[in-house]
Amino acid sequence: MYLWEWLFYDTRKPGDYERWKDRAEKRARETGKPVGGPNVRESVSNTVTDSDSIYTHNDTYIDVRTPHDEKRGLITLPLGFGLVLFITMLAFCLYFFGHAVVTGRAANGEVETGLDYILLGISVLVPLCSLYAYFKYLLRYLRLEAFTARRLIVRFNRITRKVYLLRPNNIGGIVALDWDKTEAAVDPSMRREVLPGGGFLILGWEKGAVYDVDGHLKDDYEITFVGRTARNGAELLAFWEYIRRYMEIGPEAAPPPKKLLSKTPWPWLSFEAAWNTLPLRSLRESGMWPMFVLVKLMLLPVTLIHATGHWISLLLCYEPKFPPSIENAGK
């Protein structure tokens, strides 16, 4: 689901960048820390982890997932059911109205009166108006999970020293970003922090580092979210260090994971995604394993509903691809 990315673009206002920069500079003066955190050449961890977040790993680039892939399906089910319901209602109303106009009789054989035609016309207008309101006000929320790109991909190309974002147009589209100007929202002191709700890597670029798909400089700034949610600060730092070493040193410093993420929408992967999103990690890690299993089994119907919606949302989406200029960059 693209909720955070959509909110970032939907709530942007003129002057946001200047206000954000002023606050960052003020905070830097108060804390004595540089704006934007450590640069890409500064190591932040002695360990690395791919965080089970890699789609592709080769000598030229790595493709990385975004944090919210599992959090989809629960919008698709109610909004998708509403869309199917309105379309079905319209089809039935059009059928009965057309039958009456052509034959002059109702489906049960009775002769239609003028009042009957008026009522049939109203019955057609009701689902038509409902569909109009749906497409105007609700479709934008459905497109957070369906009828859009199946996933967002962040590509780190060590040859071109660029970061490429593969996104639908409604949340920013495809852009190229300067790796050397990447700012990671991490702090080496955060390694002892526990992130109960899960944290994720946030990367940002100031104006002057953002290019469109044709290579033209944009007068804009960018923020993107990268990788799975992390349990603690140490894991988050190790994931950023994995990306940093790949770009700065090479693939030998950030070896490929034992298993790459699959892009095929298998139904069992949707079940696994729904199963793992239940907020029971702390219960499992506290040693209360029997209670963990019991709660999981009690919530199995919810998990199956979520998994069904997750899989349907994937099937309703298309698999995105970078344009040839980016796909072949650095090869």
C-alpha atoms as a PDB file:
ATOM      1  CA  MET A   1       0.000   0.000   0.000  1.00  0.00           C
ATOM      2  CA  TYR A   2       1.300   3.453  -0.891  1.00  0.00           C
ATOM      3  CA  LEU A   3      -0.283   5.388   1.994  1.00  0.00           C
ATOM      4  CA  TRP A   4       2.834   7.183   3.215  1.00  0.00           C
ATOM      5  CA  GLU A   5       4.041   8.014  -0.286  1.00  0.00           C
ATOM      6  CA  TRP A   6       0.576   9.247  -1.249  1.00  0.00           C
ATOM      7  CA  LEU A   7       0.277  11.394   1.883  1.00  0.00           C
ATOM      8  CA  PHE A   8       3.715  12.882   1.230  1.00  0.00           C
ATOM      9  CA  TYR A   9       2.651  14.060  -2.236  1.00  0.00           C
ATOM     10  CA  ASP A  10      -1.002  14.814  -1.510  1.00  0.00           C
ATOM     11  CA  THR A  11      -0.250  17.113   1.434  1.00  0.00           C
ATOM     12  CA  ARG A  12       2.662  19.028  -0.115  1.00  0.00           C
ATOM     13  CA  LYS A  13       2.257  22.790  -0.213  1.00  0.00           C
ATOM     14  CA  PRO A  14       4.358  25.616  -1.690  1.00  0.00           C
ATOM     15  CA  GLY A  15       7.098  26.596   0.725  1.00  0.00           C
ATOM     16  CA  ASP A  16       7.242  23.201   2.497  1.00  0.00           C
ATOM     17  CA  TYR A  17      10.833  22.678   1.401  1.00  0.00           C
ATOM     18  CA  GLU A  18      11.993  26.057   2.735  1.00  0.00           C
ATOM     19  CA  ARG A  19      10.188  25.508   6.059  1.00  0.00           C
ATOM     20  CA  TRP A  20      11.653  22.026   6.383  1.00  0.00           C
ATOM     21  CA  LYS A  21      15.169  23.284   5.626  1.00  0.00           C
ATOM     22  CA  ASP A  22      14.882  26.117   8.159  1.00  0.00           C
ATOM     23  CA  ARG A  23      13.781  23.668  10.872  1.00  0.00           C
ATOM     24  CA  ALA A  24      16.600  21.261   9.999  1.00  0.00           C
ATOM     25  CA  GLU A  25      19.211  24.004  10.153  1.00  0.00           C
ATOM     26  CA  LYS A  26      17.838  25.255  13.473  1.00  0.00           C
ATOM     27  CA  ARG A  27      17.930  21.738  14.917  1.00  0.00           C
ATOM     28  CA  ALA A  28      21.483  21.287  13.629  1.00  0.00           C
ATOM     29  CA  ARG A  29      22.590  24.474  15.406  1.00  0.00           C
ATOM     30  CA  GLU A  30      20.943  23.335  18.647  1.00  0.00           C
ATOM     31  CA  THR A  31      22.347  19.796  18.608  1.00  0.00           C
ATOM     32  CA  GLY A  32      25.681  20.482  16.938  1.00  0.00           C
ATOM     33  CA  LYS A  33      25.013  17.722  14.393  1.00  0.00           C
ATOM     34  CA  PRO A  34      25.206  18.339  10.631  1.00  0.00           C
ATOM     35  CA  VAL A  35      22.019  18.739   8.573  1.00  0.00           C
ATOM     36  CA  GLY A  36      20.963  15.514   6.907  1.00  0.00           C
ATOM     37  CA  GLY A  37      22.877  13.053   9.079  1.00  0.00           C
ATOM     38  CA  PRO A  38      25.971  11.069   8.030  1.00  0.00           C
ATOM     39  CA  ASN A  39      27.126  11.307   4.422  1.00  0.00           C
ATOM     40  CA  VAL A  40      27.340   8.295   2.120  1.00  0.00           C
ATOM     41  CA  ARG A  41      31.065   7.794   2.803  1.00  0.00           C
ATOM     42  CA  GLU A  42      30.640   7.570   6.568  1.00  0.00           C
ATOM     43  CA  SER A  43      30.264   4.091   8.044  1.00  0.00           C
ATOM     44  CA  VAL A  44      27.530   3.774  10.666  1.00  0.00           C
ATOM     45  CA  SER A  45      27.699   0.065  11.555  1.00  0.00           C
ATOM     46  CA  ASN A  46      30.203  -2.779  11.836  1.00  0.00           C
ATOM     47  CA  THR A  47      27.640  -5.257  10.506  1.00  0.00           C
ATOM     48  CA  VAL A  48      25.431  -5.391   7.430  1.00  0.00           C
ATOM     49  CA  THR A  49      22.076  -6.962   6.655  1.00  0.00           C
ATOM     50  CA  ASP A  50      19.998  -7.114   3.499  1.00  0.00           C
ATOM     51  CA  SER A  51      16.902  -7.102   5.757  1.00  0.00           C
ATOM     52  CA  ASP A  52      15.136  -9.545   3.392  1.00  0.00           C
ATOM     53  CA  SER A  53      14.471  -6.554   1.139  1.00  0.00           C
ATOM     54  CA  ILE A  54      16.304  -7.257  -2.134  1.00  0.00           C
ATOM     55  CA  TYR A  55      14.575  -8.066  -5.443  1.00  0.00           C
ATOM     56  CA  THR A  56      17.684  -8.004  -7.662  1.00  0.00           C
ATOM     57  CA  HIS A  57      21.396  -8.078  -6.853  1.00  0.00           C
ATOM     58  CA  ASN A  58      24.153  -7.934  -9.469  1.00  0.00           C
ATOM     59  CA  ASP A  59      27.404  -6.088 -10.167  1.00  0.00           C
ATOM     60  CA  THR A  60      25.569  -3.046 -11.543  1.00  0.00           C
ATOM     61  CA  TYR A  61      22.602  -2.425  -9.248  1.00  0.00           C
ATOM     62  CA  ILE A  62      20.387  -3.675  -6.461  1.00  0.00           C
ATOM     63  CA  ASP A  63      16.601  -3.324  -6.475  1.00  0.00           C
ATOM     64  CA  VAL A  64      15.112  -2.805  -3.024  1.00  0.00           C
ATOM     65  CA  ARG A  65      11.526  -3.011  -1.788  1.00  0.00           C
ATOM     66  CA  THR A  66       9.613  -0.401   0.208  1.00  0.00           C
ATOM     67  CA  PRO A  67       8.252  -0.903   3.754  1.00  0.00           C
ATOM     68  CA  HIS A  68       4.509  -1.166   3.173  1.00  0.00           C
ATOM     69  CA  ASP A  69       4.158  -4.047   0.705  1.00  0.00           C
ATOM     70  CA  GLU A  70       2.347  -6.279   3.224  1.00  0.00           C
ATOM     71  CA  LYS A  71      -0.051  -3.559   4.327  1.00  0.00           C
ATOM     72  CA  ARG A  72      -2.452  -3.957   1.442  1.00  0.00           C
ATOM     73  CA  GLY A  73      -5.718  -5.746   0.795  1.00  0.00           C
ATOM     74  CA  LEU A  74      -7.912  -4.304   3.542  1.00  0.00           C
ATOM     75  CA  ILE A  75      -8.835  -1.352   1.323  1.00  0.00           C
ATOM     76  CA  THR A  76      -9.297  -3.506  -1.766  1.00  0.00           C
ATOM     77  CA  LEU A  77     -11.947  -5.738  -0.176  1.00  0.00           C
ATOM     78  CA  PRO A  78     -14.589  -3.152   0.882  1.00  0.00           C
ATOM     79  CA  LEU A  79     -13.955  -0.607  -1.874  1.00  0.00           C
ATOM     80  CA  GLY A  80     -13.597  -3.318  -4.520  1.00  0.00           C
ATOM     81  CA  PHE A  81     -16.820  -4.978  -3.342  1.00  0.00           C
ATOM     82  CA  GLY A  82     -18.601  -1.610  -3.524  1.00  0.00           C
ATOM     83  CA  LEU A  83     -17.409  -1.063  -7.110  1.00  0.00           C
ATOM     84  CA  VAL A  84     -18.547  -4.544  -8.183  1.00  0.00           C
ATOM     85  CA  LEU A  85     -21.903  -4.005  -6.446  1.00  0.00           C
ATOM     86  CA  PHE A  86     -22.591  -0.706  -8.226  1.00  0.00           C
ATOM     87  CA  ILE A  87     -21.603  -2.122 -11.623  1.00  0.00           C
ATOM     88  CA  THR A  88     -23.817  -5.187 -11.064  1.00  0.00           C
ATOM     89  CA  MET A  89     -26.751  -3.001 -10.031  1.00  0.00           C
ATOM     90  CA  LEU A  90     -26.301  -0.855 -13.138  1.00  0.00           C
ATOM     91  CA  ALA A  91     -26.178  -3.925 -15.394  1.00  0.00           C
ATOM     92  CA  PHE A  92     -29.429  -5.328 -13.954  1.00  0.00           C
ATOM     93  CA  CYS A  93     -31.213  -1.964 -14.134  1.00  0.00           C
ATOM     94  CA  LEU A  94     -30.106  -1.432 -17.735  1.00  0.00           C
ATOM     95  CA  TYR A  95     -31.285  -4.929 -18.632  1.00  0.00           C
ATOM     96  CA  PHE A  96     -34.796  -4.416 -17.195  1.00  0.00           C
ATOM     97  CA  PHE A  97     -35.053  -0.908 -18.666  1.00  0.00           C
ATOM     98  CA  GLY A  98     -33.916  -2.100 -22.106  1.00  0.00           C
ATOM     99  CA  HIS A  99     -36.275  -5.067 -21.993  1.00  0.00           C
ATOM    100  CA  ALA A 100     -39.188  -2.767 -21.189  1.00  0.00           C
ATOM    101  CA  VAL A 101     -38.329  -0.320 -23.981  1.00  0.00           C
ATOM    102  CA  VAL A 102     -37.925  -3.047 -26.624  1.00  0.00           C
ATOM    103  CA  THR A 103     -40.868  -5.283 -25.691  1.00  0.00           C
ATOM    104  CA  GLY A 104     -43.155  -2.869 -23.830  1.00  0.00           C
ATOM    105  CA  ARG A 105     -43.503  -5.446 -21.096  1.00  0.00           C
ATOM    106  CA  ALA A 106     -41.886  -6.193 -17.759  1.00  0.00           C
ATOM    107  CA  ALA A 107     -39.830  -9.320 -17.202  1.00  0.00           C
ATOM    108  CA  ASN A 108     -42.926 -11.052 -15.748  1.00  0.00           C
ATOM    109  CA  GLY A 109     -44.902 -10.309 -18.920  1.00  0.00           C
ATOM    110  CA  GLU A 110     -47.083  -7.458 -17.608  1.00  0.00           C
ATOM    111  CA  VAL A 111     -47.561  -4.376 -19.814  1.00  0.00           C
ATOM    112  CA  GLU A 112     -45.468  -1.408 -18.681  1.00  0.00           C
ATOM    113  CA  THR A 113     -47.197   1.868 -17.819  1.00  0.00           C
ATOM    114  CA  GLY A 114     -45.797   5.390 -18.014  1.00  0.00           C
ATOM    115  CA  LEU A 115     -45.107   5.313 -14.274  1.00  0.00           C
ATOM    116  CA  ASP A 116     -43.208   2.049 -14.702  1.00  0.00           C
ATOM    117  CA  TYR A 117     -40.905   3.672 -17.274  1.00  0.00           C
ATOM    118  CA  ILE A 118     -40.264   6.588 -14.926  1.00  0.00           C
ATOM    119  CA  LEU A 119     -39.392   4.234 -12.060  1.00  0.00           C
ATOM    120  CA  LEU A 120     -37.132   2.160 -14.319  1.00  0.00           C
ATOM    121  CA  GLY A 121     -35.347   5.323 -15.436  1.00  0.00           C
ATOM    122  CA  ILE A 122     -34.808   6.330 -11.803  1.00  0.00           C
ATOM    123  CA  SER A 123     -33.507   2.850 -11.026  1.00  0.00           C
ATOM    124  CA  VAL A 124     -30.858   3.341 -13.720  1.00  0.00           C
ATOM    125  CA  LEU A 125     -29.906   6.793 -12.409  1.00  0.00           C
ATOM    126  CA  VAL A 126     -29.290   5.533  -8.856  1.00  0.00           C
ATOM    127  CA  PRO A 127     -26.307   3.229  -9.680  1.00  0.00           C
ATOM    128  CA  LEU A 128     -25.087   5.735 -12.298  1.00  0.00           C
ATOM    129  CA  CYS A 129     -24.932   8.508  -9.691  1.00  0.00           C
ATOM    130  CA  SER A 130     -23.375   6.109  -7.210  1.00  0.00           C
ATOM    131  CA  LEU A 131     -20.656   5.200  -9.715  1.00  0.00           C
ATOM    132  CA  TYR A 132     -20.037   8.876 -10.456  1.00  0.00           C
ATOM    133  CA  ALA A 133     -19.559   9.609  -6.748  1.00  0.00           C
ATOM    134  CA  TYR A 134     -17.394   6.501  -6.386  1.00  0.00           C
ATOM    135  CA  PHE A 135     -15.015   7.455  -9.205  1.00  0.00           C
ATOM    136  CA  LYS A 136     -14.868  11.055  -8.027  1.00  0.00           C
ATOM    137  CA  TYR A 137     -14.314  10.490  -4.309  1.00  0.00           C
ATOM    138  CA  LEU A 138     -13.314   6.869  -3.604  1.00  0.00           C
ATOM    139  CA  LEU A 139     -11.310   5.570  -6.567  1.00  0.00           C
ATOM    140  CA  ARG A 140      -8.215   7.514  -5.454  1.00  0.00           C
ATOM    141  CA  TYR A 141      -8.159   5.454  -2.253  1.00  0.00           C
ATOM    142  CA  LEU A 142      -8.664   2.165  -4.071  1.00  0.00           C
ATOM    143  CA  ARG A 143      -5.672   3.040  -6.260  1.00  0.00           C
ATOM    144  CA  LEU A 144      -3.460   2.924  -3.184  1.00  0.00           C
ATOM    145  CA  GLU A 145      -3.685  -0.868  -3.593  1.00  0.00           C
ATOM    146  CA  ALA A 146      -5.350  -1.724  -6.908  1.00  0.00           C
ATOM    147  CA  PHE A 147      -5.325  -0.612 -10.560  1.00  0.00           C
ATOM    148  CA  THR A 148      -1.808   0.718 -10.095  1.00  0.00           C
ATOM    149  CA  ALA A 149       1.789  -0.531 -10.001  1.00  0.00           C
ATOM    150  CA  ARG A 150       2.125  -3.784  -8.086  1.00  0.00           C
ATOM    151  CA  ARG A 151       5.118  -2.522  -6.127  1.00  0.00           C
ATOM    152  CA  LEU A 152       7.488   0.414  -5.695  1.00  0.00           C
ATOM    153  CA  ILE A 153      11.161  -0.231  -6.409  1.00  0.00           C
ATOM    154  CA  VAL A 154      14.213   1.727  -5.306  1.00  0.00           C
ATOM    155  CA  ARG A 155      17.231   0.972  -7.517  1.00  0.00           C
ATOM    156  CA  PHE A 156      20.781   1.723  -6.393  1.00  0.00           C
ATOM    157  CA  ASN A 157      23.090   1.752  -9.440  1.00  0.00           C
ATOM    158  CA  ARG A 158      26.745   1.764  -8.393  1.00  0.00           C
ATOM    159  CA  ILE A 159      28.036   2.381 -11.934  1.00  0.00           C
ATOM    160  CA  THR A 160      26.004   5.520 -12.665  1.00  0.00           C
ATOM    161  CA  ARG A 161      26.024   6.454  -8.934  1.00  0.00           C
ATOM    162  CA  LYS A 162      22.318   7.150  -9.127  1.00  0.00           C
ATOM    163  CA  VAL A 163      19.274   6.128  -7.141  1.00  0.00           C
ATOM    164  CA  TYR A 164      16.171   5.493  -9.268  1.00  0.00           C
ATOM    165  CA  LEU A 165      12.622   5.501  -7.914  1.00  0.00           C
ATOM    166  CA  LEU A 166      10.045   3.456  -9.829  1.00  0.00           C
ATOM    167  CA  ARG A 167       6.634   4.816  -8.816  1.00  0.00           C
ATOM    168  CA  PRO A 168       3.205   5.584 -10.352  1.00  0.00           C
ATOM    169  CA  ASN A 169       2.697   9.160 -11.501  1.00  0.00           C
ATOM    170  CA  ASN A 170       0.209   9.978  -8.744  1.00  0.00           C
ATOM    171  CA  ILE A 171       2.928   9.570  -6.100  1.00  0.00           C
ATOM    172  CA  GLY A 172       5.823  11.203  -7.896  1.00  0.00           C
ATOM    173  CA  GLY A 173       6.566   9.069 -10.940  1.00  0.00           C
ATOM    174  CA  ILE A 174      10.021   7.893 -11.987  1.00  0.00           C
ATOM    175  CA  VAL A 175      12.983  10.019 -10.919  1.00  0.00           C
ATOM    176  CA  ALA A 176      16.778   9.745 -10.810  1.00  0.00           C
ATOM    177  CA  LEU A 177      18.689  11.019  -7.795  1.00  0.00           C
ATOM    178  CA  ASP A 178      22.363  11.703  -7.070  1.00  0.00           C
ATOM    179  CA  TRP A 179      23.763   9.048  -4.778  1.00  0.00           C
ATOM    180  CA  ASP A 180      26.465  11.376  -3.446  1.00  0.00           C
ATOM    181  CA  LYS A 181      23.781  13.792  -2.212  1.00  0.00           C
ATOM    182  CA  THR A 182      21.721  11.133  -0.452  1.00  0.00           C
ATOM    183  CA  GLU A 183      20.773  11.958   3.139  1.00  0.00           C
ATOM    184  CA  ALA A 184      19.803   9.023   5.343  1.00  0.00           C
ATOM    185  CA  ALA A 185      17.647   9.644   8.417  1.00  0.00           C
ATOM    186  CA  VAL A 186      19.894   7.561  10.682  1.00  0.00           C
ATOM    187  CA  ASP A 187      22.093   8.341  13.652  1.00  0.00           C
ATOM    188  CA  PRO A 188      24.914   6.022  14.824  1.00  0.00           C
ATOM    189  CA  SER A 189      23.696   6.543  18.405  1.00  0.00           C
ATOM    190  CA  MET A 190      20.348   4.922  17.607  1.00  0.00           C
ATOM    191  CA  ARG A 191      21.762   1.382  17.616  1.00  0.00           C
ATOM    192  CA  ARG A 192      20.502   0.814  21.166  1.00  0.00           C
ATOM    193  CA  GLU A 193      16.992   1.998  20.384  1.00  0.00           C
ATOM    194  CA  VAL A 194      14.102  -0.458  20.252  1.00  0.00           C
ATOM    195  CA  LEU A 195      11.415   0.301  17.656  1.00  0.00           C
ATOM    196  CA  PRO A 196       8.267  -1.436  19.003  1.00  0.00           C
ATOM    197  CA  GLY A 197       6.071  -0.402  16.068  1.00  0.00           C
ATOM    198  CA  GLY A 198       8.821  -1.003  13.535  1.00  0.00           C
ATOM    199  CA  GLY A 199      10.965   1.663  11.889  1.00  0.00           C
ATOM    200  CA  PHE A 200      12.089   1.974   8.299  1.00  0.00           C
ATOM    201  CA  LEU A 201      14.880   3.662   6.418  1.00  0.00           C
ATOM    202  CA  ILE A 202      14.062   7.147   5.120  1.00  0.00           C
ATOM    203  CA  LEU A 203      16.235   8.723   2.422  1.00  0.00           C
ATOM    204  CA  GLY A 204      16.032  12.315   1.250  1.00  0.00           C
ATOM    205  CA  TRP A 205      17.479  14.582  -1.422  1.00  0.00           C
ATOM    206  CA  GLU A 206      17.559  18.370  -1.454  1.00  0.00           C
ATOM    207  CA  LYS A 207      16.889  20.472  -4.526  1.00  0.00           C
ATOM    208  CA  GLY A 208      19.650  20.167  -7.109  1.00  0.00           C
ATOM    209  CA  ALA A 209      19.885  16.373  -6.831  1.00  0.00           C
ATOM    210  CA  VAL A 210      16.586  15.336  -8.441  1.00  0.00           C
ATOM    211  CA  TYR A 211      16.181  14.544 -12.174  1.00  0.00           C
ATOM    212  CA  ASP A 212      13.193  13.413 -14.211  1.00  0.00           C
ATOM    213  CA  VAL A 213      13.147  10.286 -16.359  1.00  0.00           C
ATOM    214  CA  ASP A 214      14.670  12.211 -19.290  1.00  0.00           C
ATOM    215  CA  GLY A 215      17.583  13.450 -17.207  1.00  0.00           C
ATOM    216  CA  HIS A 216      16.380  17.036 -16.754  1.00  0.00           C
ATOM    217  CA  LEU A 217      17.017  18.661 -13.375  1.00  0.00           C
ATOM    218  CA  LYS A 218      13.834  19.229 -11.361  1.00  0.00           C
ATOM    219  CA  ASP A 219      13.269  22.136  -9.013  1.00  0.00           C
ATOM    220  CA  ASP A 220      12.081  19.817  -6.294  1.00  0.00           C
ATOM    221  CA  TYR A 221      13.169  17.675  -3.369  1.00  0.00           C
ATOM    222  CA  GLU A 222      12.517  13.969  -2.753  1.00  0.00           C
ATOM    223  CA  ILE A 223      11.912  11.564   0.102  1.00  0.00           C
ATOM    224  CA  THR A 224      11.576   7.805  -0.168  1.00  0.00           C
ATOM    225  CA  PHE A 225      11.092   4.907   2.242  1.00  0.00           C
ATOM    226  CA  VAL A 226      13.287   1.831   1.794  1.00  0.00           C
ATOM    227  CA  GLY A 227      13.312  -1.774   3.043  1.00  0.00           C
ATOM    228  CA  ARG A 228      11.263  -3.781   5.508  1.00  0.00           C
ATOM    229  CA  THR A 229      10.379  -2.370   8.893  1.00  0.00           C
ATOM    230  CA  ALA A 230      13.204  -2.868  11.404  1.00  0.00           C
ATOM    231  CA  ARG A 231      12.857  -4.027  14.988  1.00  0.00           C
ATOM    232  CA  ASN A 232      15.583  -1.809  16.413  1.00  0.00           C
ATOM    233  CA  GLY A 233      18.077   0.888  15.568  1.00  0.00           C
ATOM    234  CA  ALA A 234      20.964  -1.548  15.122  1.00  0.00           C
ATOM    235  CA  GLU A 235      19.061  -3.411  12.394  1.00  0.00           C
ATOM    236  CA  LEU A 236      18.190  -0.144  10.654  1.00  0.00           C
ATOM    237  CA  LEU A 237      21.830   1.005  10.730  1.00  0.00           C
ATOM    238  CA  ALA A 238      23.046  -2.367   9.426  1.00  0.00           C
ATOM    239  CA  PHE A 239      20.615  -2.173   6.494  1.00  0.00           C
ATOM    240  CA  TRP A 240      21.739   1.334   5.550  1.00  0.00           C
ATOM    241  CA  GLU A 241      25.352   0.150   5.878  1.00  0.00           C
ATOM    242  CA  TYR A 242      24.572  -2.711   3.462  1.00  0.00           C
ATOM    243  CA  ILE A 243      23.332  -0.253   0.836  1.00  0.00           C
ATOM    244  CA  ARG A 244      26.167   2.188   1.522  1.00  0.00           C
ATOM    245  CA  ARG A 245      28.884  -0.457   1.180  1.00  0.00           C
ATOM    246  CA  TYR A 246      27.364  -1.799  -2.017  1.00  0.00           C
ATOM    247  CA  MET A 247      27.468   1.657  -3.580  1.00  0.00           C
ATOM    248  CA  GLU A 248      30.795   2.806  -2.117  1.00  0.00           C
ATOM    249  CA  ILE A 249      32.840  -0.425  -2.093  1.00  0.00           C
ATOM    250  CA  GLY A 250      31.085  -2.930  -4.320  1.00  0.00           C
ATOM    251  CA  PRO A 251      29.088  -6.194  -4.305  1.00  0.00           C
ATOM    252  CA  GLU A 252      31.832  -8.009  -2.400  1.00  0.00           C
ATOM    253  CA  ALA A 253      31.134  -5.774   0.622  1.00  0.00           C
ATOM    254  CA  ALA A 254      27.361  -6.372   0.413  1.00  0.00           C
ATOM    255  CA  PRO A 255      26.900  -9.986  -0.717  1.00  0.00           C
ATOM    256  CA  PRO A 256      23.627 -11.101  -2.301  1.00  0.00           C
ATOM    257  CA  PRO A 257      21.005 -12.516   0.074  1.00  0.00           C
ATOM    258  CA  LYS A 258      20.499 -16.258   0.286  1.00  0.00           C
ATOM    259  CA  LYS A 259      17.080 -15.783  -1.263  1.00  0.00           C
ATOM    260  CA  LEU A 260      15.893 -12.866  -3.387  1.00  0.00           C
ATOM    261  CA  LEU A 261      12.350 -11.588  -3.064  1.00  0.00           C
ATOM    262  CA  SER A 262       9.924 -12.993  -5.632  1.00  0.00           C
ATOM    263  CA  LYS A 263       7.869 -10.687  -7.848  1.00  0.00           C
ATOM    264  CA  THR A 264       5.364 -13.414  -8.770  1.00  0.00           C
ATOM    265  CA  PRO A 265       2.036 -12.905  -6.933  1.00  0.00           C
ATOM    266  CA  TRP A 266       1.726 -16.427  -5.531  1.00  0.00           C
ATOM    267  CA  PRO A 267      -1.245 -16.754  -3.123  1.00  0.00           C
ATOM    268  CA  TRP A 268       0.883 -18.356  -0.385  1.00  0.00           C
ATOM    269  CA  LEU A 269       3.132 -15.292  -0.364  1.00  0.00           C
ATOM    270  CA  SER A 270       0.056 -13.154   0.325  1.00  0.00           C
ATOM    271  CA  PHE A 271      -0.843 -15.457   3.216  1.00  0.00           C
ATOM    272  CA  GLU A 272       2.698 -15.196   4.564  1.00  0.00           C
ATOM    273  CA  ALA A 273       2.558 -11.398   4.284  1.00  0.00           C
ATOM    274  CA  ALA A 274      -0.770 -11.236   6.147  1.00  0.00           C
ATOM    275  CA  TRP A 275       0.433 -13.699   8.790  1.00  0.00           C
ATOM    276  CA  ASN A 276       3.578 -11.705   9.523  1.00  0.00           C
ATOM    277  CA  THR A 277       1.830  -8.332   9.802  1.00  0.00           C
ATOM    278  CA  LEU A 278      -0.113  -9.299  12.914  1.00  0.00           C
ATOM    279  CA  PRO A 279       1.383  -7.216  15.778  1.00  0.00           C
ATOM    280  CA  LEU A 280       2.508 -10.186  17.843  1.00  0.00           C
ATOM    281  CA  ARG A 281       6.287 -10.040  17.399  1.00  0.00           C
ATOM    282  CA  SER A 282       6.922  -8.765  20.930  1.00  0.00           C
ATOM    283  CA  LEU A 283       4.772 -11.580  22.381  1.00  0.00           C
ATOM    284  CA  ARG A 284       6.786 -14.158  20.462  1.00  0.00           C
ATOM    285  CA  GLU A 285      10.120 -12.654  21.446  1.00  0.00           C
ATOM    286  CA  SER A 286       9.139 -12.440  25.121  1.00  0.00           C
ATOM    287  CA  GLY A 287       9.242 -16.238  25.347  1.00  0.00           C
ATOM    288  CA  MET A 288       5.471 -16.716  25.538  1.00  0.00           C
ATOM    289  CA  TRP A 289       5.501 -19.031  22.520  1.00  0.00           C
ATOM    290  CA  PRO A 290       2.341 -21.073  23.410  1.00  0.00           C
ATOM    291  CA  MET A 291       0.355 -17.868  23.850  1.00  0.00           C
ATOM    292  CA  PHE A 292       1.765 -16.577  20.580  1.00  0.00           C
ATOM    293  CA  VAL A 293       0.610 -19.697  18.696  1.00  0.00           C
ATOM    294  CA  LEU A 294      -2.825 -19.600  20.365  1.00  0.00           C
ATOM    295  CA  VAL A 295      -3.435 -15.965  19.464  1.00  0.00           C
ATOM    296  CA  LYS A 296      -2.256 -16.606  15.910  1.00  0.00           C
ATOM    297  CA  LEU A 297      -4.730 -19.478  15.534  1.00  0.00           C
ATOM    298  CA  MET A 298      -7.571 -17.402  16.984  1.00  0.00           C
ATOM    299  CA  LEU A 299      -6.853 -14.685  14.438  1.00  0.00           C
ATOM    300  CA  LEU A 300      -6.559 -17.134  11.530  1.00  0.00           C
ATOM    301  CA  PRO A 301      -9.925 -16.094   9.965  1.00  0.00           C
ATOM    302  CA  VAL A 302      -8.770 -12.457   9.991  1.00  0.00           C
ATOM    303  CA  THR A 303      -5.476 -13.531   8.457  1.00  0.00           C
ATOM    304  CA  LEU A 304      -7.247 -15.428   5.665  1.00  0.00           C
ATOM    305  CA  ILE A 305      -9.475 -12.419   4.874  1.00  0.00           C
ATOM    306  CA  HIS A 306      -6.440 -10.131   4.805  1.00  0.00           C
ATOM    307  CA  ALA A 307      -4.496 -12.591   2.638  1.00  0.00           C
ATOM    308  CA  THR A 308      -7.389 -12.824   0.167  1.00  0.00           C
ATOM    309  CA  GLY A 309      -7.585  -9.057  -0.155  1.00  0.00           C
ATOM    310  CA  HIS A 310      -3.790  -8.864  -0.458  1.00  0.00           C
ATOM    311  CA  TRP A 311      -3.723 -11.380  -3.308  1.00  0.00           C
ATOM    312  CA  ILE A 312      -6.672  -9.788  -5.138  1.00  0.00           C
ATOM    313  CA  SER A 313      -4.997  -6.373  -4.925  1.00  0.00           C
ATOM    314  CA  LEU A 314      -1.829  -7.828  -6.476  1.00  0.00           C
ATOM    315  CA  LEU A 315      -3.800  -9.446  -9.301  1.00  0.00           C
ATOM    316  CA  LEU A 316      -5.522  -6.140 -10.038  1.00  0.00           C
ATOM    317  CA  CYS A 317      -2.149  -4.397 -10.446  1.00  0.00           C
ATOM    318  CA  TYR A 318       0.490  -4.432 -13.179  1.00  0.00           C
ATOM    319  CA  GLU A 319       4.166  -5.260 -12.756  1.00  0.00           C
ATOM    320  CA  PRO A 320       6.124  -1.995 -13.187  1.00  0.00           C
ATOM    321  CA  LYS A 321       9.281  -1.709 -15.280  1.00  0.00           C
ATOM    322  CA  PHE A 322      11.948   0.938 -15.601  1.00  0.00           C
ATOM    323  CA  PRO A 323      12.208   2.611 -19.019  1.00  0.00           C
ATOM    324  CA  PRO A 324      15.068   1.323 -21.245  1.00  0.00           C
ATOM    325  CA  SER A 325      17.238   4.382 -20.495  1.00  0.00           C
ATOM    326  CA  ILE A 326      17.323   3.412 -16.811  1.00  0.00           C
ATOM    327  CA  GLU A 327      17.115  -0.365 -17.292  1.00  0.00           C
ATOM    328  CA  ASN A 328      20.301  -0.330 -19.403  1.00  0.00           C
ATOM    329  CA  ALA A 329      22.119   2.395 -17.469  1.00  0.00           C
ATOM    330  CA  GLY A 330      25.597   1.290 -16.433  1.00  0.00           C
ATOM    331  CA  LYS A 331      25.504  -2.008 -18.333  1.00  0.00           C
END
